[in-house]
Amino acid sequence: LDGAQADLFNSAVWVLTPLETSDDATFAQVNSIIASL
């Protein structure tokens, strides 16, 4: 926790790993939230 910082993810790559059956809406929403970080 001592190393936590709000800008840690700026310009970082964040991989999402959907399955073949993943819900499109779920993927799009999670992607949107993560991109906002």
PDB file of all heavy atoms in Angstrom:
ATOM      1  N   LEU A   1       0.814  -1.212   0.000  1.00  0.00           N
ATOM      2  CA  LEU A   1       0.000   0.000   0.000  1.00  0.00           C
ATOM      3  C   LEU A   1       0.846   1.260   0.000  1.00  0.00           C
ATOM      4  O   LEU A   1       0.449   2.291  -0.572  1.00  0.00           O
ATOM      5  CB  LEU A   1      -0.926  -0.018   1.221  1.00  0.00           C
ATOM      6  CG  LEU A   1      -2.003   1.067   1.309  1.00  0.00           C
ATOM      7  CD1 LEU A   1      -2.977   0.974   0.154  1.00  0.00           C
ATOM      8  CD2 LEU A   1      -2.733   0.964   2.647  1.00  0.00           C
ATOM      9  N   ASP A   2       2.028   1.201   0.619  1.00  0.00           N
ATOM     10  CA  ASP A   2       2.895   2.385   0.680  1.00  0.00           C
ATOM     11  C   ASP A   2       3.328   2.838  -0.711  1.00  0.00           C
ATOM     12  O   ASP A   2       3.648   4.017  -0.911  1.00  0.00           O
ATOM     13  CB  ASP A   2       4.138   2.096   1.527  1.00  0.00           C
ATOM     14  CG  ASP A   2       3.808   1.931   3.006  1.00  0.00           C
ATOM     15  OD1 ASP A   2       2.747   2.421   3.417  1.00  0.00           O
ATOM     16  OD2 ASP A   2       4.595   1.292   3.734  1.00  0.00           O
ATOM     17  N   GLY A   3       3.348   1.923  -1.668  1.00  0.00           N
ATOM     18  CA  GLY A   3       3.774   2.284  -3.021  1.00  0.00           C
ATOM     19  C   GLY A   3       2.638   2.683  -3.944  1.00  0.00           C
ATOM     20  O   GLY A   3       2.875   3.057  -5.100  1.00  0.00           O
ATOM     21  N   ALA A   4       1.399   2.616  -3.453  1.00  0.00           N
ATOM     22  CA  ALA A   4       0.233   2.903  -4.309  1.00  0.00           C
ATOM     23  C   ALA A   4       0.247   4.342  -4.785  1.00  0.00           C
ATOM     24  O   ALA A   4       0.545   5.267  -4.024  1.00  0.00           O
ATOM     25  CB  ALA A   4      -1.052   2.617  -3.545  1.00  0.00           C
ATOM     26  N   GLN A   5      -0.096   4.535  -6.061  1.00  0.00           N
ATOM     27  CA  GLN A   5      -0.144   5.875  -6.638  1.00  0.00           C
ATOM     28  C   GLN A   5      -1.219   5.928  -7.709  1.00  0.00           C
ATOM     29  O   GLN A   5      -1.404   4.985  -8.476  1.00  0.00           O
ATOM     30  CB  GLN A   5       1.215   6.263  -7.207  1.00  0.00           C
ATOM     31  CG  GLN A   5       1.785   5.274  -8.210  1.00  0.00           C
ATOM     32  CD  GLN A   5       3.237   5.524  -8.526  1.00  0.00           C
ATOM     33  OE1 GLN A   5       4.127   5.190  -7.740  1.00  0.00           O
ATOM     34  NE2 GLN A   5       3.476   6.144  -9.672  1.00  0.00           N
ATOM     35  N   ALA A   6      -1.915   7.052  -7.774  1.00  0.00           N
ATOM     36  CA  ALA A   6      -3.058   7.184  -8.677  1.00  0.00           C
ATOM     37  C   ALA A   6      -2.659   7.165 -10.143  1.00  0.00           C
ATOM     38  O   ALA A   6      -3.465   6.801 -11.004  1.00  0.00           O
ATOM     39  CB  ALA A   6      -3.814   8.480  -8.360  1.00  0.00           C
ATOM     40  N   ASP A   7      -1.431   7.531 -10.472  1.00  0.00           N
ATOM     41  CA  ASP A   7      -1.023   7.614 -11.876  1.00  0.00           C
ATOM     42  C   ASP A   7      -0.216   6.397 -12.329  1.00  0.00           C
ATOM     43  O   ASP A   7       0.438   6.442 -13.371  1.00  0.00           O
ATOM     44  CB  ASP A   7      -0.216   8.892 -12.117  1.00  0.00           C
ATOM     45  CG  ASP A   7       1.080   8.934 -11.308  1.00  0.00           C
ATOM     46  OD1 ASP A   7       1.295   8.031 -10.469  1.00  0.00           O
ATOM     47  OD2 ASP A   7       1.873   9.873 -11.506  1.00  0.00           O
ATOM     48  N   LEU A   8      -0.270   5.310 -11.574  1.00  0.00           N
ATOM     49  CA  LEU A   8       0.543   4.135 -11.895  1.00  0.00           C
ATOM     50  C   LEU A   8       0.231   3.576 -13.282  1.00  0.00           C
ATOM     51  O   LEU A   8       1.105   3.021 -13.950  1.00  0.00           O
ATOM     52  CB  LEU A   8       0.316   3.041 -10.845  1.00  0.00           C
ATOM     53  CG  LEU A   8       1.187   1.789 -10.968  1.00  0.00           C
ATOM     54  CD1 LEU A   8       2.655   2.131 -10.710  1.00  0.00           C
ATOM     55  CD2 LEU A   8       0.731   0.698 -10.004  1.00  0.00           C
ATOM     56  N   PHE A   9      -1.021   3.737 -13.738  1.00  0.00           N
ATOM     57  CA  PHE A   9      -1.431   3.091 -14.987  1.00  0.00           C
ATOM     58  C   PHE A   9      -1.397   4.031 -16.200  1.00  0.00           C
ATOM     59  O   PHE A   9      -1.774   3.614 -17.298  1.00  0.00           O
ATOM     60  CB  PHE A   9      -2.830   2.498 -14.816  1.00  0.00           C
ATOM     61  CG  PHE A   9      -2.953   1.655 -13.584  1.00  0.00           C
ATOM     62  CD1 PHE A   9      -3.688   2.083 -12.487  1.00  0.00           C
ATOM     63  CD2 PHE A   9      -2.278   0.450 -13.485  1.00  0.00           C
ATOM     64  CE1 PHE A   9      -3.782   1.330 -11.339  1.00  0.00           C
ATOM     65  CE2 PHE A   9      -2.358  -0.323 -12.336  1.00  0.00           C
ATOM     66  CZ  PHE A   9      -3.107   0.124 -11.252  1.00  0.00           C
ATOM     67  N   ASN A  10      -0.960   5.258 -16.001  1.00  0.00           N
ATOM     68  CA  ASN A  10      -0.865   6.183 -17.125  1.00  0.00           C
ATOM     69  C   ASN A  10       0.083   5.634 -18.186  1.00  0.00           C
ATOM     70  O   ASN A  10       1.266   5.398 -17.913  1.00  0.00           O
ATOM     71  CB  ASN A  10      -0.372   7.556 -16.663  1.00  0.00           C
ATOM     72  CG  ASN A  10      -1.425   8.327 -15.899  1.00  0.00           C
ATOM     73  OD1 ASN A  10      -2.593   7.928 -15.859  1.00  0.00           O
ATOM     74  ND2 ASN A  10      -1.033   9.427 -15.285  1.00  0.00           N
ATOM     75  N   SER A  11      -0.434   5.406 -19.381  1.00  0.00           N
ATOM     76  CA  SER A  11       0.326   4.886 -20.529  1.00  0.00           C
ATOM     77  C   SER A  11       0.793   3.441 -20.351  1.00  0.00           C
ATOM     78  O   SER A  11       1.549   2.938 -21.184  1.00  0.00           O
ATOM     79  CB  SER A  11       1.538   5.777 -20.830  1.00  0.00           C
ATOM     80  OG  SER A  11       1.130   7.092 -21.147  1.00  0.00           O
ATOM     81  N   ALA A  12       0.349   2.777 -19.293  1.00  0.00           N
ATOM     82  CA  ALA A  12       0.707   1.362 -19.113  1.00  0.00           C
ATOM     83  C   ALA A  12      -0.207   0.483 -19.963  1.00  0.00           C
ATOM     84  O   ALA A  12      -1.362   0.824 -20.216  1.00  0.00           O
ATOM     85  CB  ALA A  12       0.574   0.968 -17.641  1.00  0.00           C
ATOM     86  N   VAL A  13       0.310  -0.658 -20.401  1.00  0.00           N
ATOM     87  CA  VAL A  13      -0.511  -1.634 -21.117  1.00  0.00           C
ATOM     88  C   VAL A  13      -1.297  -2.447 -20.090  1.00  0.00           C
ATOM     89  O   VAL A  13      -0.739  -2.927 -19.106  1.00  0.00           O
ATOM     90  CB  VAL A  13       0.359  -2.564 -21.979  1.00  0.00           C
ATOM     91  CG1 VAL A  13      -0.474  -3.714 -22.530  1.00  0.00           C
ATOM     92  CG2 VAL A  13       1.001  -1.777 -23.117  1.00  0.00           C
ATOM     93  N   TRP A  14      -2.586  -2.572 -20.332  1.00  0.00           N
ATOM     94  CA  TRP A  14      -3.456  -3.373 -19.451  1.00  0.00           C
ATOM     95  C   TRP A  14      -4.115  -4.424 -20.331  1.00  0.00           C
ATOM     96  O   TRP A  14      -4.904  -4.110 -21.215  1.00  0.00           O
ATOM     97  CB  TRP A  14      -4.506  -2.488 -18.799  1.00  0.00           C
ATOM     98  CG  TRP A  14      -5.257  -3.108 -17.647  1.00  0.00           C
ATOM     99  CD1 TRP A  14      -5.836  -4.340 -17.598  1.00  0.00           C
ATOM    100  CD2 TRP A  14      -5.525  -2.493 -16.373  1.00  0.00           C
ATOM    101  NE1 TRP A  14      -6.448  -4.538 -16.392  1.00  0.00           N
ATOM    102  CE2 TRP A  14      -6.270  -3.424 -15.611  1.00  0.00           C
ATOM    103  CE3 TRP A  14      -5.224  -1.257 -15.814  1.00  0.00           C
ATOM    104  CZ2 TRP A  14      -6.715  -3.142 -14.323  1.00  0.00           C
ATOM    105  CZ3 TRP A  14      -5.652  -0.990 -14.530  1.00  0.00           C
ATOM    106  CH2 TRP A  14      -6.385  -1.916 -13.793  1.00  0.00           C
ATOM    107  N   VAL A  15      -3.763  -5.682 -20.121  1.00  0.00           N
ATOM    108  CA  VAL A  15      -4.270  -6.762 -20.962  1.00  0.00           C
ATOM    109  C   VAL A  15      -5.607  -7.258 -20.424  1.00  0.00           C
ATOM    110  O   VAL A  15      -5.755  -7.493 -19.225  1.00  0.00           O
ATOM    111  CB  VAL A  15      -3.272  -7.941 -21.007  1.00  0.00           C
ATOM    112  CG1 VAL A  15      -3.767  -9.013 -21.981  1.00  0.00           C
ATOM    113  CG2 VAL A  15      -1.884  -7.457 -21.405  1.00  0.00           C
ATOM    114  N   LEU A  16      -6.578  -7.407 -21.314  1.00  0.00           N
ATOM    115  CA  LEU A  16      -7.823  -8.088 -20.993  1.00  0.00           C
ATOM    116  C   LEU A  16      -7.814  -9.434 -21.708  1.00  0.00           C
ATOM    117  O   LEU A  16      -7.342  -9.533 -22.846  1.00  0.00           O
ATOM    118  CB  LEU A  16      -9.036  -7.263 -21.414  1.00  0.00           C
ATOM    119  CG  LEU A  16      -9.293  -5.981 -20.617  1.00  0.00           C
ATOM    120  CD1 LEU A  16     -10.535  -5.264 -21.137  1.00  0.00           C
ATOM    121  CD2 LEU A  16      -9.439  -6.271 -19.125  1.00  0.00           C
ATOM    122  N   THR A  17      -8.346 -10.460 -21.044  1.00  0.00           N
ATOM    123  CA  THR A  17      -8.249 -11.817 -21.590  1.00  0.00           C
ATOM    124  C   THR A  17      -9.633 -12.458 -21.693  1.00  0.00           C
ATOM    125  O   THR A  17      -9.969 -13.375 -20.932  1.00  0.00           O
ATOM    126  CB  THR A  17      -7.322 -12.680 -20.713  1.00  0.00           C
ATOM    127  OG1 THR A  17      -7.770 -12.618 -19.349  1.00  0.00           O
ATOM    128  CG2 THR A  17      -5.896 -12.178 -20.782  1.00  0.00           C
ATOM    129  N   PRO A  18     -10.448 -11.998 -22.633  1.00  0.00           N
ATOM    130  CA  PRO A  18     -11.791 -12.577 -22.794  1.00  0.00           C
ATOM    131  C   PRO A  18     -11.723 -13.985 -23.363  1.00  0.00           C
ATOM    132  O   PRO A  18     -10.761 -14.362 -24.050  1.00  0.00           O
ATOM    133  CB  PRO A  18     -12.446 -11.618 -23.789  1.00  0.00           C
ATOM    134  CG  PRO A  18     -11.297 -11.088 -24.594  1.00  0.00           C
ATOM    135  CD  PRO A  18     -10.169 -10.940 -23.618  1.00  0.00           C
ATOM    136  N   LEU A  19     -12.744 -14.757 -23.072  1.00  0.00           N
ATOM    137  CA  LEU A  19     -12.919 -16.071 -23.677  1.00  0.00           C
ATOM    138  C   LEU A  19     -13.719 -15.936 -24.960  1.00  0.00           C
ATOM    139  O   LEU A  19     -14.254 -14.863 -25.279  1.00  0.00           O
ATOM    140  CB  LEU A  19     -13.645 -17.005 -22.706  1.00  0.00           C
ATOM    141  CG  LEU A  19     -12.954 -17.269 -21.373  1.00  0.00           C
ATOM    142  CD1 LEU A  19     -13.863 -18.081 -20.469  1.00  0.00           C
ATOM    143  CD2 LEU A  19     -11.633 -17.997 -21.592  1.00  0.00           C
ATOM    144  N   GLU A  20     -13.825 -17.027 -25.704  1.00  0.00           N
ATOM    145  CA  GLU A  20     -14.605 -17.007 -26.941  1.00  0.00           C
ATOM    146  C   GLU A  20     -16.069 -16.698 -26.663  1.00  0.00           C
ATOM    147  O   GLU A  20     -16.786 -16.172 -27.532  1.00  0.00           O
ATOM    148  CB  GLU A  20     -14.493 -18.348 -27.652  1.00  0.00           C
ATOM    149  CG  GLU A  20     -13.062 -18.758 -28.020  1.00  0.00           C
ATOM    150  CD  GLU A  20     -12.312 -19.390 -26.851  1.00  0.00           C
ATOM    151  OE1 GLU A  20     -12.884 -19.468 -25.735  1.00  0.00           O
ATOM    152  OE2 GLU A  20     -11.156 -19.803 -27.054  1.00  0.00           O
ATOM    153  N   THR A  21     -16.530 -17.007 -25.462  1.00  0.00           N
ATOM    154  CA  THR A  21     -17.941 -16.820 -25.107  1.00  0.00           C
ATOM    155  C   THR A  21     -18.186 -15.567 -24.271  1.00  0.00           C
ATOM    156  O   THR A  21     -19.294 -15.371 -23.766  1.00  0.00           O
ATOM    157  CB  THR A  21     -18.427 -18.046 -24.310  1.00  0.00           C
ATOM    158  OG1 THR A  21     -17.569 -18.247 -23.180  1.00  0.00           O
ATOM    159  CG2 THR A  21     -18.412 -19.296 -25.183  1.00  0.00           C
ATOM    160  N   SER A  22     -17.174 -14.732 -24.092  1.00  0.00           N
ATOM    161  CA  SER A  22     -17.326 -13.550 -23.235  1.00  0.00           C
ATOM    162  C   SER A  22     -18.415 -12.618 -23.750  1.00  0.00           C
ATOM    163  O   SER A  22     -18.605 -12.454 -24.965  1.00  0.00           O
ATOM    164  CB  SER A  22     -16.002 -12.783 -23.147  1.00  0.00           C
ATOM    165  OG  SER A  22     -15.048 -13.520 -22.427  1.00  0.00           O
ATOM    166  N   ASP A  23     -19.116 -11.987 -22.801  1.00  0.00           N
ATOM    167  CA  ASP A  23     -20.198 -11.065 -23.140  1.00  0.00           C
ATOM    168  C   ASP A  23     -19.622  -9.768 -23.698  1.00  0.00           C
ATOM    169  O   ASP A  23     -18.746  -9.143 -23.085  1.00  0.00           O
ATOM    170  CB  ASP A  23     -21.021 -10.781 -21.875  1.00  0.00           C
ATOM    171  CG  ASP A  23     -22.203  -9.890 -22.154  1.00  0.00           C
ATOM    172  OD1 ASP A  23     -23.196 -10.380 -22.730  1.00  0.00           O
ATOM    173  OD2 ASP A  23     -22.138  -8.690 -21.802  1.00  0.00           O
ATOM    174  N   ASP A  24     -20.125  -9.334 -24.862  1.00  0.00           N
ATOM    175  CA  ASP A  24     -19.603  -8.136 -25.507  1.00  0.00           C
ATOM    176  C   ASP A  24     -19.777  -6.890 -24.644  1.00  0.00           C
ATOM    177  O   ASP A  24     -18.880  -6.043 -24.546  1.00  0.00           O
ATOM    178  CB  ASP A  24     -20.285  -7.914 -26.863  1.00  0.00           C
ATOM    179  CG  ASP A  24     -19.821  -8.913 -27.912  1.00  0.00           C
ATOM    180  OD1 ASP A  24     -18.729  -9.487 -27.735  1.00  0.00           O
ATOM    181  OD2 ASP A  24     -20.543  -9.113 -28.903  1.00  0.00           O
ATOM    182  N   ALA A  25     -20.935  -6.758 -24.015  1.00  0.00           N
ATOM    183  CA  ALA A  25     -21.200  -5.575 -23.196  1.00  0.00           C
ATOM    184  C   ALA A  25     -20.257  -5.529 -21.998  1.00  0.00           C
ATOM    185  O   ALA A  25     -19.734  -4.463 -21.650  1.00  0.00           O
ATOM    186  CB  ALA A  25     -22.654  -5.577 -22.733  1.00  0.00           C
ATOM    187  N   THR A  26     -20.019  -6.671 -21.364  1.00  0.00           N
ATOM    188  CA  THR A  26     -19.090  -6.726 -20.235  1.00  0.00           C
ATOM    189  C   THR A  26     -17.696  -6.318 -20.668  1.00  0.00           C
ATOM    190  O   THR A  26     -17.039  -5.497 -20.025  1.00  0.00           O
ATOM    191  CB  THR A  26     -19.058  -8.143 -19.627  1.00  0.00           C
ATOM    192  OG1 THR A  26     -20.334  -8.438 -19.071  1.00  0.00           O
ATOM    193  CG2 THR A  26     -17.994  -8.260 -18.548  1.00  0.00           C
ATOM    194  N   PHE A  27     -17.243  -6.881 -21.785  1.00  0.00           N
ATOM    195  CA  PHE A  27     -15.910  -6.550 -22.273  1.00  0.00           C
ATOM    196  C   PHE A  27     -15.797  -5.061 -22.563  1.00  0.00           C
ATOM    197  O   PHE A  27     -14.820  -4.407 -22.169  1.00  0.00           O
ATOM    198  CB  PHE A  27     -15.590  -7.349 -23.539  1.00  0.00           C
ATOM    199  CG  PHE A  27     -14.262  -6.987 -24.147  1.00  0.00           C
ATOM    200  CD1 PHE A  27     -13.091  -7.558 -23.659  1.00  0.00           C
ATOM    201  CD2 PHE A  27     -14.176  -6.068 -25.177  1.00  0.00           C
ATOM    202  CE1 PHE A  27     -11.868  -7.210 -24.204  1.00  0.00           C
ATOM    203  CE2 PHE A  27     -12.954  -5.714 -25.719  1.00  0.00           C
ATOM    204  CZ  PHE A  27     -11.800  -6.292 -25.238  1.00  0.00           C
ATOM    205  N   ALA A  28     -16.783  -4.491 -23.242  1.00  0.00           N
ATOM    206  CA  ALA A  28     -16.741  -3.072 -23.609  1.00  0.00           C
ATOM    207  C   ALA A  28     -16.743  -2.186 -22.367  1.00  0.00           C
ATOM    208  O   ALA A  28     -16.021  -1.184 -22.300  1.00  0.00           O
ATOM    209  CB  ALA A  28     -17.915  -2.730 -24.512  1.00  0.00           C
ATOM    210  N   GLN A  29     -17.547  -2.536 -21.362  1.00  0.00           N
ATOM    211  CA  GLN A  29     -17.621  -1.712 -20.155  1.00  0.00           C
ATOM    212  C   GLN A  29     -16.338  -1.784 -19.335  1.00  0.00           C
ATOM    213  O   GLN A  29     -15.848  -0.756 -18.849  1.00  0.00           O
ATOM    214  CB  GLN A  29     -18.814  -2.151 -19.303  1.00  0.00           C
ATOM    215  CG  GLN A  29     -20.171  -1.826 -19.926  1.00  0.00           C
ATOM    216  CD  GLN A  29     -21.317  -2.488 -19.175  1.00  0.00           C
ATOM    217  OE1 GLN A  29     -21.323  -2.539 -17.951  1.00  0.00           O
ATOM    218  NE2 GLN A  29     -22.283  -3.014 -19.904  1.00  0.00           N
ATOM    219  N   VAL A  30     -15.786  -2.985 -19.173  1.00  0.00           N
ATOM    220  CA  VAL A  30     -14.534  -3.115 -18.433  1.00  0.00           C
ATOM    221  C   VAL A  30     -13.421  -2.370 -19.162  1.00  0.00           C
ATOM    222  O   VAL A  30     -12.612  -1.665 -18.554  1.00  0.00           O
ATOM    223  CB  VAL A  30     -14.165  -4.601 -18.231  1.00  0.00           C
ATOM    224  CG1 VAL A  30     -12.766  -4.731 -17.606  1.00  0.00           C
ATOM    225  CG2 VAL A  30     -15.191  -5.283 -17.337  1.00  0.00           C
ATOM    226  N   ASN A  31     -13.383  -2.510 -20.485  1.00  0.00           N
ATOM    227  CA  ASN A  31     -12.403  -1.791 -21.282  1.00  0.00           C
ATOM    228  C   ASN A  31     -12.513  -0.291 -21.073  1.00  0.00           C
ATOM    229  O   ASN A  31     -11.524   0.413 -20.889  1.00  0.00           O
ATOM    230  CB  ASN A  31     -12.592  -2.119 -22.767  1.00  0.00           C
ATOM    231  CG  ASN A  31     -11.828  -1.165 -23.663  1.00  0.00           C
ATOM    232  OD1 ASN A  31     -10.616  -1.258 -23.793  1.00  0.00           O
ATOM    233  ND2 ASN A  31     -12.526  -0.215 -24.260  1.00  0.00           N
ATOM    234  N   SER A  32     -13.729   0.233 -21.076  1.00  0.00           N
ATOM    235  CA  SER A  32     -13.944   1.670 -20.921  1.00  0.00           C
ATOM    236  C   SER A  32     -13.446   2.159 -19.564  1.00  0.00           C
ATOM    237  O   SER A  32     -12.799   3.213 -19.463  1.00  0.00           O
ATOM    238  CB  SER A  32     -15.431   1.987 -21.090  1.00  0.00           C
ATOM    239  OG  SER A  32     -15.677   3.361 -20.867  1.00  0.00           O
ATOM    240  N   ILE A  33     -13.740   1.419 -18.513  1.00  0.00           N
ATOM    241  CA  ILE A  33     -13.319   1.823 -17.169  1.00  0.00           C
ATOM    242  C   ILE A  33     -11.795   1.816 -17.059  1.00  0.00           C
ATOM    243  O   ILE A  33     -11.184   2.755 -16.538  1.00  0.00           O
ATOM    244  CB  ILE A  33     -13.950   0.894 -16.115  1.00  0.00           C
ATOM    245  CG1 ILE A  33     -15.471   1.101 -16.061  1.00  0.00           C
ATOM    246  CG2 ILE A  33     -13.340   1.150 -14.730  1.00  0.00           C
ATOM    247  CD1 ILE A  33     -16.217   0.048 -15.257  1.00  0.00           C
ATOM    248  N   ILE A  34     -11.171   0.768 -17.574  1.00  0.00           N
ATOM    249  CA  ILE A  34      -9.718   0.664 -17.491  1.00  0.00           C
ATOM    250  C   ILE A  34      -9.039   1.744 -18.331  1.00  0.00           C
ATOM    251  O   ILE A  34      -8.061   2.366 -17.895  1.00  0.00           O
ATOM    252  CB  ILE A  34      -9.272  -0.742 -17.919  1.00  0.00           C
ATOM    253  CG1 ILE A  34      -9.678  -1.750 -16.839  1.00  0.00           C
ATOM    254  CG2 ILE A  34      -7.772  -0.796 -18.170  1.00  0.00           C
ATOM    255  CD1 ILE A  34      -9.470  -3.186 -17.219  1.00  0.00           C
ATOM    256  N   ALA A  35      -9.569   1.997 -19.526  1.00  0.00           N
ATOM    257  CA  ALA A  35      -8.999   3.049 -20.364  1.00  0.00           C
ATOM    258  C   ALA A  35      -9.099   4.406 -19.681  1.00  0.00           C
ATOM    259  O   ALA A  35      -8.223   5.274 -19.845  1.00  0.00           O
ATOM    260  CB  ALA A  35      -9.706   3.078 -21.721  1.00  0.00           C
ATOM    261  N   SER A  36     -10.154   4.614 -18.884  1.00  0.00           N
ATOM    262  CA  SER A  36     -10.315   5.897 -18.190  1.00  0.00           C
ATOM    263  C   SER A  36      -9.235   6.105 -17.135  1.00  0.00           C
ATOM    264  O   SER A  36      -9.004   7.230 -16.692  1.00  0.00           O
ATOM    265  CB  SER A  36     -11.700   5.971 -17.537  1.00  0.00           C
ATOM    266  OG  SER A  36     -11.772   5.176 -16.366  1.00  0.00           O
ATOM    267  N   LEU A  37      -8.557   5.026 -16.721  1.00  0.00           N
ATOM    268  CA  LEU A  37      -7.471   5.136 -15.745  1.00  0.00           C
ATOM    269  C   LEU A  37      -6.152   5.503 -16.415  1.00  0.00           C
ATOM    270  O   LEU A  37      -5.127   5.612 -15.737  1.00  0.00           O
ATOM    271  CB  LEU A  37      -7.310   3.821 -14.974  1.00  0.00           C
ATOM    272  CG  LEU A  37      -8.546   3.285 -14.245  1.00  0.00           C
ATOM    273  CD1 LEU A  37      -8.193   2.037 -13.449  1.00  0.00           C
ATOM    274  CD2 LEU A  37      -9.161   4.343 -13.346  1.00  0.00           C
TER     275      LEU A  37
END
